[in-house]
């Protein structure tokens, strides 16, 4: 796959991969006051993947982008958990 990502250099393909990686997670549940720990773990996993593919710069950038998306989702989950705590 990384060979194709590098060869095609397609922003549309990469956006599709980002969306699919998010959607592949499927439905999931967390504790009422659960924050973004699961998403932070996914971000770490994708950062680790990015480290492993330094010879493929476009693929590495894509993996880092996916990791940043998970980090942003983790922050949102943290904020929502705090709001739920305040509402009781």
C-alpha atoms as a PDB file:
ATOM      1  CA  UNK A   1       0.000   0.000   0.000  1.00  0.00           C
ATOM      2  CA  UNK A   2       2.757   2.447   0.867  1.00  0.00           C
ATOM      3  CA  UNK A   3       4.239   2.003  -2.617  1.00  0.00           C
ATOM      4  CA  UNK A   4       0.944   3.153  -4.102  1.00  0.00           C
ATOM      5  CA  UNK A   5       0.641   6.078  -1.695  1.00  0.00           C
ATOM      6  CA  UNK A   6       4.097   7.252  -2.721  1.00  0.00           C
ATOM      7  CA  UNK A   7       3.612   6.636  -6.448  1.00  0.00           C
ATOM      8  CA  UNK A   8       0.183   8.209  -6.771  1.00  0.00           C
ATOM      9  CA  UNK A   9       0.736  11.200  -4.503  1.00  0.00           C
ATOM     10  CA  UNK A  10      -3.022  11.646  -4.291  1.00  0.00           C
ATOM     11  CA  UNK A  11      -4.490  13.907  -1.624  1.00  0.00           C
ATOM     12  CA  UNK A  12      -7.920  12.374  -2.306  1.00  0.00           C
ATOM     13  CA  UNK A  13      -6.608   8.848  -1.748  1.00  0.00           C
ATOM     14  CA  UNK A  14      -4.935   9.894   1.486  1.00  0.00           C
ATOM     15  CA  UNK A  15      -8.088  11.630   2.741  1.00  0.00           C
ATOM     16  CA  UNK A  16     -10.019   8.451   1.962  1.00  0.00           C
ATOM     17  CA  UNK A  17      -7.510   6.417   3.975  1.00  0.00           C
ATOM     18  CA  UNK A  18      -7.801   8.831   6.920  1.00  0.00           C
ATOM     19  CA  UNK A  19     -11.585   8.549   6.853  1.00  0.00           C
ATOM     20  CA  UNK A  20     -11.517   4.762   6.538  1.00  0.00           C
ATOM     21  CA  UNK A  21      -9.062   4.356   9.411  1.00  0.00           C
ATOM     22  CA  UNK A  22     -11.422   6.367  11.602  1.00  0.00           C
ATOM     23  CA  UNK A  23     -14.511   4.469  10.413  1.00  0.00           C
ATOM     24  CA  UNK A  24     -12.861   1.046  10.786  1.00  0.00           C
ATOM     25  CA  UNK A  25     -13.033   1.482  14.520  1.00  0.00           C
ATOM     26  CA  UNK A  26     -16.790   1.057  14.370  1.00  0.00           C
ATOM     27  CA  UNK A  27     -19.158   1.602  17.253  1.00  0.00           C
ATOM     28  CA  UNK A  28     -17.577   1.698  20.665  1.00  0.00           C
ATOM     29  CA  UNK A  29     -18.614   2.634  24.167  1.00  0.00           C
ATOM     30  CA  UNK A  30     -16.854   4.249  27.071  1.00  0.00           C
ATOM     31  CA  UNK A  31     -17.617   4.953  30.691  1.00  0.00           C
ATOM     32  CA  UNK A  32     -19.855   7.991  31.280  1.00  0.00           C
ATOM     33  CA  UNK A  33     -16.904  10.073  32.406  1.00  0.00           C
ATOM     34  CA  UNK A  34     -14.357   8.318  30.227  1.00  0.00           C
ATOM     35  CA  UNK A  35     -12.050  10.670  28.407  1.00  0.00           C
ATOM     36  CA  UNK A  36      -9.789  10.212  25.435  1.00  0.00           C
ATOM     37  CA  UNK A  37      -7.374   7.552  26.696  1.00  0.00           C
ATOM     38  CA  UNK A  38      -8.377   5.088  23.966  1.00  0.00           C
ATOM     39  CA  UNK A  39      -7.814   7.707  21.273  1.00  0.00           C
ATOM     40  CA  UNK A  40      -4.441   8.685  22.741  1.00  0.00           C
ATOM     41  CA  UNK A  41      -3.396   5.028  22.560  1.00  0.00           C
ATOM     42  CA  UNK A  42      -4.387   4.949  18.891  1.00  0.00           C
ATOM     43  CA  UNK A  43      -2.425   8.157  18.270  1.00  0.00           C
ATOM     44  CA  UNK A  44       0.653   6.591  19.845  1.00  0.00           C
ATOM     45  CA  UNK A  45       0.223   3.509  17.679  1.00  0.00           C
ATOM     46  CA  UNK A  46       0.103   5.605  14.497  1.00  0.00           C
ATOM     47  CA  UNK A  47       3.097   7.704  15.541  1.00  0.00           C
ATOM     48  CA  UNK A  48       4.974   4.428  16.048  1.00  0.00           C
ATOM     49  CA  UNK A  49       3.923   3.290  12.567  1.00  0.00           C
ATOM     50  CA  UNK A  50       5.215   6.579  11.159  1.00  0.00           C
ATOM     51  CA  UNK A  51       8.622   6.033  12.759  1.00  0.00           C
ATOM     52  CA  UNK A  52       8.818   2.647  11.043  1.00  0.00           C
ATOM     53  CA  UNK A  53       8.327   4.025   7.518  1.00  0.00           C
ATOM     54  CA  UNK A  54      10.934   6.763   7.239  1.00  0.00           C
ATOM     55  CA  UNK A  55      11.880   5.576   3.744  1.00  0.00           C
ATOM     56  CA  UNK A  56       8.375   6.503   2.526  1.00  0.00           C
ATOM     57  CA  UNK A  57       7.875  10.196   3.351  1.00  0.00           C
ATOM     58  CA  UNK A  58       4.346  10.604   2.030  1.00  0.00           C
ATOM     59  CA  UNK A  59       3.182   7.501   3.894  1.00  0.00           C
ATOM     60  CA  UNK A  60       4.928   8.741   7.017  1.00  0.00           C
ATOM     61  CA  UNK A  61       3.146  12.100   6.739  1.00  0.00           C
ATOM     62  CA  UNK A  62      -0.182  10.301   6.285  1.00  0.00           C
ATOM     63  CA  UNK A  63       0.379   8.196   9.400  1.00  0.00           C
ATOM     64  CA  UNK A  64       1.322  11.283  11.401  1.00  0.00           C
ATOM     65  CA  UNK A  65      -1.819  12.992  10.160  1.00  0.00           C
ATOM     66  CA  UNK A  66      -3.926  10.054  11.330  1.00  0.00           C
ATOM     67  CA  UNK A  67      -2.188  10.216  14.717  1.00  0.00           C
ATOM     68  CA  UNK A  68      -2.951  13.946  14.997  1.00  0.00           C
ATOM     69  CA  UNK A  69      -6.601  13.235  14.186  1.00  0.00           C
ATOM     70  CA  UNK A  70      -6.721  10.706  17.030  1.00  0.00           C
ATOM     71  CA  UNK A  71      -5.103  13.253  19.353  1.00  0.00           C
ATOM     72  CA  UNK A  72      -7.740  15.835  18.433  1.00  0.00           C
ATOM     73  CA  UNK A  73     -10.468  13.268  19.079  1.00  0.00           C
ATOM     74  CA  UNK A  74      -8.895  12.456  22.450  1.00  0.00           C
ATOM     75  CA  UNK A  75      -9.028  16.118  23.402  1.00  0.00           C
ATOM     76  CA  UNK A  76     -12.707  16.310  22.392  1.00  0.00           C
ATOM     77  CA  UNK A  77     -13.483  13.206  24.442  1.00  0.00           C
ATOM     78  CA  UNK A  78     -11.706  14.728  27.455  1.00  0.00           C
ATOM     79  CA  UNK A  79     -13.712  17.927  27.099  1.00  0.00           C
ATOM     80  CA  UNK A  80     -17.003  16.055  26.755  1.00  0.00           C
ATOM     81  CA  UNK A  81     -16.190  13.962  29.830  1.00  0.00           C
ATOM     82  CA  UNK A  82     -15.493  17.121  31.834  1.00  0.00           C
ATOM     83  CA  UNK A  83     -18.791  18.641  30.682  1.00  0.00           C
ATOM     84  CA  UNK A  84     -20.657  15.507  31.739  1.00  0.00           C
ATOM     85  CA  UNK A  85     -18.988  15.658  35.155  1.00  0.00           C
ATOM     86  CA  UNK A  86     -20.097  19.265  35.602  1.00  0.00           C
ATOM     87  CA  UNK A  87     -23.687  18.407  34.708  1.00  0.00           C
ATOM     88  CA  UNK A  88     -23.608  15.478  37.113  1.00  0.00           C
END
